[in-house]
């Protein structure tokens, strides 16, 4: 089962799950919260990785310029 990425699709998916499974409203709220927290953590991790990659690229360029001089 693939979890949708967009908020609207996620809400529709959770509503559909509610019809299929006997799940309390509170349980769905906690599930939605956990999914949102995980998405935020993943976004922050991707942002840090991107920033680190850019920093490494700049450092390599500086070293190349110093060695060429």
N, C-alpha and C. Protein backbone atom coordinates (compact mmCIF):
# COMPACT_ATOMS: atom_id res chain seq x y z
N UNK A 1 0.85 -1.18 0.00
CA UNK A 1 0.00 0.00 0.00
C UNK A 1 0.90 1.24 0.00
N UNK A 2 0.67 2.13 -0.92
CA UNK A 2 1.46 3.35 -1.03
C UNK A 2 0.67 4.51 -0.42
N UNK A 3 1.32 5.27 0.43
CA UNK A 3 0.68 6.41 1.09
C UNK A 3 0.78 7.62 0.16
N UNK A 4 -0.33 8.29 -0.10
CA UNK A 4 -0.32 9.45 -0.99
C UNK A 4 0.53 10.59 -0.44
N UNK A 5 1.08 11.41 -1.35
CA UNK A 5 1.95 12.51 -0.95
C UNK A 5 1.18 13.79 -0.63
N UNK A 6 0.17 14.10 -1.41
CA UNK A 6 -0.53 15.37 -1.20
C UNK A 6 -1.48 15.27 -0.02
N UNK A 7 -1.71 16.41 0.62
CA UNK A 7 -2.58 16.43 1.80
C UNK A 7 -4.01 16.03 1.45
N UNK A 8 -4.52 16.50 0.31
CA UNK A 8 -5.89 16.17 -0.11
C UNK A 8 -6.01 14.67 -0.38
N UNK A 9 -5.04 14.12 -1.10
CA UNK A 9 -5.06 12.68 -1.39
C UNK A 9 -4.92 11.86 -0.11
N UNK A 10 -4.10 12.35 0.83
CA UNK A 10 -3.92 11.65 2.10
C UNK A 10 -5.23 11.64 2.89
N UNK A 11 -5.91 12.78 2.92
CA UNK A 11 -7.19 12.84 3.64
C UNK A 11 -8.22 11.91 3.00
N UNK A 12 -8.25 11.86 1.67
CA UNK A 12 -9.18 10.96 0.99
C UNK A 12 -8.83 9.51 1.28
N UNK A 13 -7.54 9.21 1.29
CA UNK A 13 -7.07 7.85 1.58
C UNK A 13 -7.46 7.44 2.99
N UNK A 14 -7.27 8.35 3.95
CA UNK A 14 -7.64 8.04 5.34
C UNK A 14 -9.16 7.87 5.49
N UNK A 15 -9.92 8.69 4.77
CA UNK A 15 -11.39 8.57 4.83
C UNK A 15 -11.81 7.22 4.26
N UNK A 16 -11.16 6.78 3.20
CA UNK A 16 -11.47 5.48 2.60
C UNK A 16 -11.10 4.36 3.56
N UNK A 17 -9.97 4.50 4.24
CA UNK A 17 -9.58 3.49 5.23
C UNK A 17 -10.61 3.40 6.34
N UNK A 18 -11.15 4.53 6.71
CA UNK A 18 -12.15 4.57 7.79
C UNK A 18 -13.37 3.74 7.40
N UNK A 19 -13.74 3.78 6.12
CA UNK A 19 -14.90 2.99 5.67
C UNK A 19 -14.58 1.50 5.64
N UNK A 20 -13.33 1.15 5.33
CA UNK A 20 -12.94 -0.25 5.17
C UNK A 20 -12.66 -0.90 6.54
N UNK A 21 -11.99 -0.16 7.41
CA UNK A 21 -11.59 -0.70 8.71
C UNK A 21 -12.37 0.00 9.82
N UNK A 22 -12.55 -0.73 10.91
CA UNK A 22 -13.18 -0.14 12.08
C UNK A 22 -12.10 0.59 12.87
N UNK A 23 -11.95 1.88 12.58
CA UNK A 23 -10.91 2.69 13.21
C UNK A 23 -11.57 3.90 13.84
N UNK A 24 -11.13 4.26 15.01
CA UNK A 24 -11.72 5.43 15.67
C UNK A 24 -11.21 6.71 15.02
N UNK A 25 -11.95 7.77 15.20
CA UNK A 25 -11.54 9.08 14.68
C UNK A 25 -10.22 9.51 15.31
N UNK A 26 -10.06 9.22 16.59
CA UNK A 26 -8.84 9.58 17.28
C UNK A 26 -7.65 8.81 16.70
N UNK A 27 -7.86 7.56 16.38
CA UNK A 27 -6.80 6.75 15.78
C UNK A 27 -6.36 7.32 14.45
N UNK A 28 -7.32 7.75 13.63
CA UNK A 28 -6.99 8.35 12.34
C UNK A 28 -6.26 9.68 12.52
N UNK A 29 -6.65 10.43 13.52
CA UNK A 29 -5.98 11.71 13.78
C UNK A 29 -4.53 11.46 14.17
N UNK A 30 -4.28 10.47 15.02
CA UNK A 30 -2.91 10.15 15.41
C UNK A 30 -2.10 9.62 14.22
N UNK A 31 -2.71 8.80 13.38
CA UNK A 31 -2.04 8.30 12.20
C UNK A 31 -1.66 9.45 11.26
N UNK A 32 -2.58 10.36 11.04
CA UNK A 32 -2.30 11.52 10.18
C UNK A 32 -1.17 12.36 10.77
N UNK A 33 -1.17 12.54 12.09
CA UNK A 33 -0.12 13.31 12.75
C UNK A 33 1.23 12.63 12.59
N UNK A 34 1.27 11.32 12.77
CA UNK A 34 2.53 10.59 12.63
C UNK A 34 3.05 10.68 11.20
N UNK A 35 2.17 10.58 10.23
CA UNK A 35 2.57 10.68 8.83
C UNK A 35 3.13 12.07 8.54
N UNK A 36 2.46 13.09 9.06
CA UNK A 36 2.92 14.46 8.86
C UNK A 36 4.29 14.68 9.50
N UNK A 37 4.48 14.18 10.70
CA UNK A 37 5.78 14.31 11.37
C UNK A 37 6.87 13.61 10.58
N UNK A 38 6.58 12.43 10.06
CA UNK A 38 7.56 11.70 9.27
C UNK A 38 7.89 12.45 7.99
N UNK A 39 6.88 13.01 7.33
CA UNK A 39 7.12 13.79 6.12
C UNK A 39 8.00 15.00 6.43
N UNK A 40 7.75 15.67 7.56
CA UNK A 40 8.56 16.84 7.94
C UNK A 40 10.00 16.45 8.23
N UNK A 41 10.19 15.32 8.92
CA UNK A 41 11.54 14.85 9.21
C UNK A 41 12.28 14.50 7.92
N UNK A 42 11.59 13.85 6.99
CA UNK A 42 12.22 13.49 5.71
C UNK A 42 12.59 14.75 4.92
N UNK A 43 11.70 15.74 4.92
CA UNK A 43 11.98 16.98 4.20
C UNK A 43 13.19 17.69 4.81
N UNK A 44 13.28 17.71 6.13
CA UNK A 44 14.42 18.34 6.79
C UNK A 44 15.71 17.59 6.48
N UNK A 45 15.65 16.27 6.45
CA UNK A 45 16.82 15.47 6.13
C UNK A 45 17.28 15.72 4.69
N UNK A 46 16.31 15.76 3.76
CA UNK A 46 16.66 16.06 2.36
C UNK A 46 17.30 17.43 2.24
N UNK A 47 16.78 18.41 2.98
CA UNK A 47 17.31 19.78 2.94
C UNK A 47 18.75 19.81 3.47
N UNK A 48 19.01 19.10 4.59
CA UNK A 48 20.37 19.05 5.14
C UNK A 48 21.33 18.37 4.17
N UNK A 49 20.88 17.27 3.55
CA UNK A 49 21.73 16.55 2.60
C UNK A 49 22.05 17.44 1.40
N UNK A 50 21.07 18.19 0.91
CA UNK A 50 21.28 19.08 -0.22
C UNK A 50 22.26 20.19 0.16
N UNK A 51 22.09 20.76 1.35
CA UNK A 51 22.98 21.82 1.81
C UNK A 51 24.41 21.29 1.96
N UNK A 52 24.56 20.09 2.51
CA UNK A 52 25.88 19.50 2.70
C UNK A 52 26.54 19.23 1.35
N UNK A 53 25.77 18.74 0.39
CA UNK A 53 26.31 18.47 -0.94
C UNK A 53 26.80 19.76 -1.59
N UNK A 54 26.03 20.85 -1.43
CA UNK A 54 26.45 22.13 -2.00
C UNK A 54 27.73 22.62 -1.32
N UNK A 55 27.82 22.47 -0.01
CA UNK A 55 29.02 22.89 0.73
C UNK A 55 30.23 22.10 0.27
N UNK A 56 30.06 20.80 0.08
CA UNK A 56 31.17 19.96 -0.39
C UNK A 56 31.61 20.37 -1.79
N UNK A 57 30.64 20.69 -2.65
CA UNK A 57 30.95 21.10 -4.01
C UNK A 57 31.76 22.40 -4.00
N UNK A 58 31.34 23.36 -3.16
CA UNK A 58 32.06 24.64 -3.06
C UNK A 58 33.48 24.44 -2.54
N UNK A 59 33.64 23.56 -1.55
CA UNK A 59 34.96 23.30 -0.98
C UNK A 59 35.89 22.69 -2.03
N UNK A 60 35.36 21.80 -2.85
CA UNK A 60 36.17 21.19 -3.92
C UNK A 60 36.59 22.25 -4.94
N UNK A 61 35.68 23.16 -5.25
CA UNK A 61 36.00 24.22 -6.21
C UNK A 61 37.08 25.13 -5.65
N UNK A 62 37.02 25.46 -4.36
CA UNK A 62 38.04 26.31 -3.74
C UNK A 62 39.40 25.63 -3.75
N UNK A 63 39.40 24.33 -3.44
CA UNK A 63 40.68 23.59 -3.45
C UNK A 63 41.26 23.55 -4.85
N UNK A 64 40.40 23.38 -5.85
CA UNK A 64 40.88 23.34 -7.24
C UNK A 64 41.47 24.68 -7.64
N UNK A 65 40.83 25.76 -7.22
CA UNK A 65 41.34 27.10 -7.54
C UNK A 65 42.66 27.38 -6.86
N UNK A 66 42.81 26.94 -5.61
CA UNK A 66 44.06 27.14 -4.87
C UNK A 66 45.20 26.35 -5.50
N UNK A 67 44.92 25.12 -5.92
CA UNK A 67 45.99 24.30 -6.49
C UNK A 67 46.37 24.77 -7.89
N UNK A 68 45.45 25.42 -8.58
CA UNK A 68 45.73 25.93 -9.92
C UNK A 68 46.56 27.22 -9.85
N UNK A 69 46.51 27.91 -8.74
CA UNK A 69 47.21 29.20 -8.63
C UNK A 69 48.66 29.04 -8.33
